[in-house]
Amino acid sequence: MEQFENDDEGYAFAERPNKSANKRECLEMEALGEELTALTHDRLMSLDLPEKLLSAVQEAQKISHGSARKRQRKFIGKLLRNTEVEPIQARLAHYKQLSALSIHDQHRVEHWRDKLVAGDNSAVNELLESWPEADRQKVRQLAQDAKKEQALAAPPKSARLLFRYLREIMLQSEDEA
């Protein structure tokens, strides 16, 4: 539908749609559709998408061929342009934040594991100051075994066990706090 405006001299002219803005919006919706297709089934179901959009996203997840995937991505973008996307974007931002936090936690556990394997008893004492519920003997034993495995270039079984134990301790203390 064309909108008419008057210029300075009083002549009416039709205001054309801004093609660049329309194209940017289309590309944004296609990018949002790509994010939706990358989600797991559970997260996708938690978004409460319209039925037609949900089935289009699920179909896109099954498509692996390039040109068919591109057509489906454009179709999803078209459906998103007719959908209220703010709640969807907010939920996706929440998922990204959760993912970033879990990556941060994993890096923290890896840091402590590496510190324990490379260090001596002072690293164990530091760990116990931060997490007093940790079992000193178990941590020391796992760290020593991991150190031996590193020296022998053996598979890092003890390092993995130490990582799991540290992650468990840190998650428990966060849940209690």
C-alpha atoms as a PDB file:
ATOM      1  CA  MET A   1       0.000   0.000   0.000  1.00  0.00           C
ATOM      2  CA  GLU A   2       1.506   3.286  -1.076  1.00  0.00           C
ATOM      3  CA  GLN A   3       1.610   6.208   1.272  1.00  0.00           C
ATOM      4  CA  PHE A   4       1.319   9.708  -0.119  1.00  0.00           C
ATOM      5  CA  GLU A   5       3.114  12.707   1.301  1.00  0.00           C
ATOM      6  CA  ASN A   6       3.170  16.328   0.267  1.00  0.00           C
ATOM      7  CA  ASP A   7       6.432  17.978  -0.631  1.00  0.00           C
ATOM      8  CA  ASP A   8       7.279  21.617   0.077  1.00  0.00           C
ATOM      9  CA  GLU A   9       5.295  22.857  -2.898  1.00  0.00           C
ATOM     10  CA  GLY A  10       2.159  20.872  -2.099  1.00  0.00           C
ATOM     11  CA  TYR A  11       2.570  18.113  -4.714  1.00  0.00           C
ATOM     12  CA  ALA A  12       1.634  14.652  -3.602  1.00  0.00           C
ATOM     13  CA  PHE A  13       4.057  11.815  -4.290  1.00  0.00           C
ATOM     14  CA  ALA A  14       4.211   8.184  -3.316  1.00  0.00           C
ATOM     15  CA  GLU A  15       6.765   7.252  -0.662  1.00  0.00           C
ATOM     16  CA  ARG A  16       8.697   4.213  -1.819  1.00  0.00           C
ATOM     17  CA  PRO A  17       9.771   1.557   0.642  1.00  0.00           C
ATOM     18  CA  ASN A  18      13.403   1.679   1.620  1.00  0.00           C
ATOM     19  CA  LYS A  19      14.839  -1.324  -0.214  1.00  0.00           C
ATOM     20  CA  SER A  20      18.047  -1.388   1.811  1.00  0.00           C
ATOM     21  CA  ALA A  21      16.136  -1.468   5.091  1.00  0.00           C
ATOM     22  CA  ASN A  22      13.894  -4.237   3.761  1.00  0.00           C
ATOM     23  CA  LYS A  23      16.906  -6.272   2.689  1.00  0.00           C
ATOM     24  CA  ARG A  24      18.591  -5.799   6.081  1.00  0.00           C
ATOM     25  CA  GLU A  25      15.407  -6.987   7.796  1.00  0.00           C
ATOM     26  CA  CYS A  26      15.239 -10.033   5.513  1.00  0.00           C
ATOM     27  CA  LEU A  27      18.860 -10.914   6.273  1.00  0.00           C
ATOM     28  CA  GLU A  28      18.285 -10.469  10.015  1.00  0.00           C
ATOM     29  CA  MET A  29      15.277 -12.786   9.904  1.00  0.00           C
ATOM     30  CA  GLU A  30      17.257 -15.384   7.904  1.00  0.00           C
ATOM     31  CA  ALA A  31      20.059 -15.201  10.486  1.00  0.00           C
ATOM     32  CA  LEU A  32      17.502 -15.675  13.262  1.00  0.00           C
ATOM     33  CA  GLY A  33      16.149 -18.659  11.354  1.00  0.00           C
ATOM     34  CA  GLU A  34      19.674 -20.134  11.184  1.00  0.00           C
ATOM     35  CA  GLU A  35      19.966 -19.761  14.951  1.00  0.00           C
ATOM     36  CA  LEU A  36      16.643 -21.555  15.354  1.00  0.00           C
ATOM     37  CA  THR A  37      17.759 -24.452  13.152  1.00  0.00           C
ATOM     38  CA  ALA A  38      20.908 -24.849  15.277  1.00  0.00           C
ATOM     39  CA  LEU A  39      18.880 -25.387  18.470  1.00  0.00           C
ATOM     40  CA  THR A  40      18.296 -28.756  20.061  1.00  0.00           C
ATOM     41  CA  HIS A  41      14.806 -30.266  19.942  1.00  0.00           C
ATOM     42  CA  ASP A  42      14.079 -29.460  23.607  1.00  0.00           C
ATOM     43  CA  ARG A  43      15.102 -25.823  23.340  1.00  0.00           C
ATOM     44  CA  LEU A  44      13.206 -25.437  20.084  1.00  0.00           C
ATOM     45  CA  MET A  45      10.035 -26.783  21.720  1.00  0.00           C
ATOM     46  CA  SER A  46      10.432 -24.393  24.662  1.00  0.00           C
ATOM     47  CA  LEU A  47      10.196 -21.359  22.360  1.00  0.00           C
ATOM     48  CA  ASP A  48       6.445 -21.756  21.668  1.00  0.00           C
ATOM     49  CA  LEU A  49       6.815 -21.025  17.960  1.00  0.00           C
ATOM     50  CA  PRO A  50       3.800 -20.912  15.632  1.00  0.00           C
ATOM     51  CA  GLU A  51       3.086 -24.371  14.178  1.00  0.00           C
ATOM     52  CA  LYS A  52       4.005 -23.480  10.601  1.00  0.00           C
ATOM     53  CA  LEU A  53       7.316 -21.901  11.671  1.00  0.00           C
ATOM     54  CA  LEU A  54       8.144 -24.822  13.957  1.00  0.00           C
ATOM     55  CA  SER A  55       7.567 -27.376  11.206  1.00  0.00           C
ATOM     56  CA  ALA A  56       9.654 -25.275   8.766  1.00  0.00           C
ATOM     57  CA  VAL A  57      12.543 -25.143  11.257  1.00  0.00           C
ATOM     58  CA  GLN A  58      12.312 -28.877  11.924  1.00  0.00           C
ATOM     59  CA  GLU A  59      12.319 -29.510   8.185  1.00  0.00           C
ATOM     60  CA  ALA A  60      15.401 -27.289   7.772  1.00  0.00           C
ATOM     61  CA  GLN A  61      17.201 -29.313  10.427  1.00  0.00           C
ATOM     62  CA  LYS A  62      16.753 -32.402   8.265  1.00  0.00           C
ATOM     63  CA  ILE A  63      18.008 -30.781   5.026  1.00  0.00           C
ATOM     64  CA  SER A  64      21.703 -31.075   4.304  1.00  0.00           C
ATOM     65  CA  HIS A  65      21.952 -30.066   0.636  1.00  0.00           C
ATOM     66  CA  GLY A  66      23.103 -26.468   0.090  1.00  0.00           C
ATOM     67  CA  SER A  67      20.521 -25.036  -2.301  1.00  0.00           C
ATOM     68  CA  ALA A  68      17.574 -26.740  -0.609  1.00  0.00           C
ATOM     69  CA  ARG A  69      18.810 -25.519   2.761  1.00  0.00           C
ATOM     70  CA  LYS A  70      19.104 -21.983   1.366  1.00  0.00           C
ATOM     71  CA  ARG A  71      15.510 -22.072   0.055  1.00  0.00           C
ATOM     72  CA  GLN A  72      14.284 -23.321   3.416  1.00  0.00           C
ATOM     73  CA  ARG A  73      16.267 -20.602   5.219  1.00  0.00           C
ATOM     74  CA  LYS A  74      14.614 -17.949   3.023  1.00  0.00           C
ATOM     75  CA  PHE A  75      11.194 -19.491   3.733  1.00  0.00           C
ATOM     76  CA  ILE A  76      11.855 -19.413   7.486  1.00  0.00           C
ATOM     77  CA  GLY A  77      12.917 -15.769   7.184  1.00  0.00           C
ATOM     78  CA  LYS A  78       9.647 -14.993   5.407  1.00  0.00           C
ATOM     79  CA  LEU A  79       7.659 -16.687   8.169  1.00  0.00           C
ATOM     80  CA  LEU A  80       9.629 -14.798  10.826  1.00  0.00           C
ATOM     81  CA  ARG A  81       8.837 -11.444   9.203  1.00  0.00           C
ATOM     82  CA  ASN A  82       5.177 -12.147   9.947  1.00  0.00           C
ATOM     83  CA  THR A  83       5.862 -13.273  13.506  1.00  0.00           C
ATOM     84  CA  GLU A  84       6.601 -11.333  16.673  1.00  0.00           C
ATOM     85  CA  VAL A  85      10.323 -12.064  17.084  1.00  0.00           C
ATOM     86  CA  GLU A  86      11.178 -10.142  20.277  1.00  0.00           C
ATOM     87  CA  PRO A  87      10.248 -13.009  22.647  1.00  0.00           C
ATOM     88  CA  ILE A  88      12.155 -15.464  20.450  1.00  0.00           C
ATOM     89  CA  GLN A  89      15.243 -13.239  20.405  1.00  0.00           C
ATOM     90  CA  ALA A  90      15.070 -12.753  24.170  1.00  0.00           C
ATOM     91  CA  ARG A  91      14.903 -16.509  24.741  1.00  0.00           C
ATOM     92  CA  LEU A  92      17.823 -17.117  22.363  1.00  0.00           C
ATOM     93  CA  ALA A  93      19.862 -14.459  24.200  1.00  0.00           C
ATOM     94  CA  HIS A  94      19.081 -16.266  27.455  1.00  0.00           C
ATOM     95  CA  TYR A  95      20.300 -19.558  25.963  1.00  0.00           C
ATOM     96  CA  LYS A  96      23.511 -17.893  24.763  1.00  0.00           C
ATOM     97  CA  GLN A  97      24.111 -16.466  28.233  1.00  0.00           C
ATOM     98  CA  LEU A  98      23.644 -19.890  29.816  1.00  0.00           C
ATOM     99  CA  SER A  99      26.061 -21.353  27.313  1.00  0.00           C
ATOM    100  CA  ALA A 100      28.644 -18.666  28.050  1.00  0.00           C
ATOM    101  CA  LEU A 101      28.322 -19.295  31.788  1.00  0.00           C
ATOM    102  CA  SER A 102      28.787 -23.033  31.373  1.00  0.00           C
ATOM    103  CA  ILE A 103      31.885 -22.431  29.231  1.00  0.00           C
ATOM    104  CA  HIS A 104      33.238 -20.106  31.925  1.00  0.00           C
ATOM    105  CA  ASP A 105      32.639 -22.759  34.580  1.00  0.00           C
ATOM    106  CA  GLN A 106      34.359 -25.391  32.461  1.00  0.00           C
ATOM    107  CA  HIS A 107      37.405 -23.154  31.998  1.00  0.00           C
ATOM    108  CA  ARG A 108      37.560 -22.556  35.733  1.00  0.00           C
ATOM    109  CA  VAL A 109      37.545 -26.310  36.419  1.00  0.00           C
ATOM    110  CA  GLU A 110      40.203 -26.883  33.740  1.00  0.00           C
ATOM    111  CA  HIS A 111      42.343 -24.162  35.315  1.00  0.00           C
ATOM    112  CA  TRP A 112      42.186 -25.833  38.738  1.00  0.00           C
ATOM    113  CA  ARG A 113      42.872 -29.266  37.271  1.00  0.00           C
ATOM    114  CA  ASP A 114      45.934 -28.006  35.401  1.00  0.00           C
ATOM    115  CA  LYS A 115      47.113 -26.135  38.476  1.00  0.00           C
ATOM    116  CA  LEU A 116      46.798 -29.260  40.642  1.00  0.00           C
ATOM    117  CA  VAL A 117      48.563 -31.487  38.118  1.00  0.00           C
ATOM    118  CA  ALA A 118      51.406 -29.016  37.595  1.00  0.00           C
ATOM    119  CA  GLY A 119      51.721 -27.892  41.209  1.00  0.00           C
ATOM    120  CA  ASP A 120      52.474 -29.347  44.569  1.00  0.00           C
ATOM    121  CA  ASN A 121      50.606 -29.503  47.888  1.00  0.00           C
ATOM    122  CA  SER A 122      50.210 -25.719  47.949  1.00  0.00           C
ATOM    123  CA  ALA A 123      47.751 -25.984  45.038  1.00  0.00           C
ATOM    124  CA  VAL A 124      45.766 -28.593  46.993  1.00  0.00           C
ATOM    125  CA  ASN A 125      45.744 -26.287  50.028  1.00  0.00           C
ATOM    126  CA  GLU A 126      44.486 -23.385  47.873  1.00  0.00           C
ATOM    127  CA  LEU A 127      41.721 -25.582  46.515  1.00  0.00           C
ATOM    128  CA  LEU A 128      40.688 -26.654  50.001  1.00  0.00           C
ATOM    129  CA  GLU A 129      40.557 -23.025  51.152  1.00  0.00           C
ATOM    130  CA  SER A 130      38.083 -22.281  48.374  1.00  0.00           C
ATOM    131  CA  TRP A 131      36.150 -25.556  48.644  1.00  0.00           C
ATOM    132  CA  PRO A 132      36.595 -27.053  52.133  1.00  0.00           C
ATOM    133  CA  GLU A 133      34.170 -29.899  51.383  1.00  0.00           C
ATOM    134  CA  ALA A 134      36.680 -31.415  48.932  1.00  0.00           C
ATOM    135  CA  ASP A 135      38.412 -34.642  49.956  1.00  0.00           C
ATOM    136  CA  ARG A 136      42.123 -33.790  50.339  1.00  0.00           C
ATOM    137  CA  GLN A 137      43.331 -37.346  49.915  1.00  0.00           C
ATOM    138  CA  LYS A 138      41.275 -37.969  46.786  1.00  0.00           C
ATOM    139  CA  VAL A 139      42.394 -34.698  45.168  1.00  0.00           C
ATOM    140  CA  ARG A 140      46.066 -35.377  45.946  1.00  0.00           C
ATOM    141  CA  GLN A 141      45.869 -38.947  44.661  1.00  0.00           C
ATOM    142  CA  LEU A 142      44.143 -37.999  41.431  1.00  0.00           C
ATOM    143  CA  ALA A 143      46.604 -35.126  40.842  1.00  0.00           C
ATOM    144  CA  GLN A 144      49.600 -37.422  41.422  1.00  0.00           C
ATOM    145  CA  ASP A 145      48.196 -40.094  39.120  1.00  0.00           C
ATOM    146  CA  ALA A 146      47.511 -37.481  36.439  1.00  0.00           C
ATOM    147  CA  LYS A 147      51.068 -36.189  36.784  1.00  0.00           C
ATOM    148  CA  LYS A 148      52.427 -39.733  36.304  1.00  0.00           C
ATOM    149  CA  GLU A 149      50.205 -40.247  33.252  1.00  0.00           C
ATOM    150  CA  GLN A 150      51.532 -37.015  31.744  1.00  0.00           C
ATOM    151  CA  ALA A 151      55.132 -38.097  32.315  1.00  0.00           C
ATOM    152  CA  LEU A 152      54.491 -41.473  30.682  1.00  0.00           C
ATOM    153  CA  ALA A 153      52.396 -39.967  27.865  1.00  0.00           C
ATOM    154  CA  ALA A 154      49.617 -42.337  28.865  1.00  0.00           C
ATOM    155  CA  PRO A 155      45.898 -41.663  28.288  1.00  0.00           C
ATOM    156  CA  PRO A 156      44.693 -39.010  30.770  1.00  0.00           C
ATOM    157  CA  LYS A 157      42.287 -41.170  32.764  1.00  0.00           C
ATOM    158  CA  SER A 158      43.152 -39.647  36.149  1.00  0.00           C
ATOM    159  CA  ALA A 159      43.093 -36.117  34.737  1.00  0.00           C
ATOM    160  CA  ARG A 160      39.550 -36.766  33.525  1.00  0.00           C
ATOM    161  CA  LEU A 161      38.544 -38.176  36.892  1.00  0.00           C
ATOM    162  CA  LEU A 162      40.067 -35.142  38.621  1.00  0.00           C
ATOM    163  CA  PHE A 163      38.161 -32.834  36.269  1.00  0.00           C
ATOM    164  CA  ARG A 164      34.865 -34.591  37.025  1.00  0.00           C
ATOM    165  CA  TYR A 165      35.508 -34.505  40.760  1.00  0.00           C
ATOM    166  CA  LEU A 166      36.388 -30.793  40.726  1.00  0.00           C
ATOM    167  CA  ARG A 167      33.338 -29.957  38.591  1.00  0.00           C
ATOM    168  CA  GLU A 168      31.131 -31.894  40.996  1.00  0.00           C
ATOM    169  CA  ILE A 169      32.538 -30.036  44.019  1.00  0.00           C
ATOM    170  CA  MET A 170      32.203 -26.632  42.396  1.00  0.00           C
ATOM    171  CA  LEU A 171      28.643 -27.269  41.239  1.00  0.00           C
ATOM    172  CA  GLN A 172      27.620 -28.498  44.696  1.00  0.00           C
ATOM    173  CA  SER A 173      29.023 -25.402  46.369  1.00  0.00           C
ATOM    174  CA  GLU A 174      27.231 -23.159  43.856  1.00  0.00           C
ATOM    175  CA  ASP A 175      23.955 -24.994  44.443  1.00  0.00           C
ATOM    176  CA  GLU A 176      24.319 -24.563  48.206  1.00  0.00           C
ATOM    177  CA  ALA A 177      25.104 -20.845  47.871  1.00  0.00           C
END
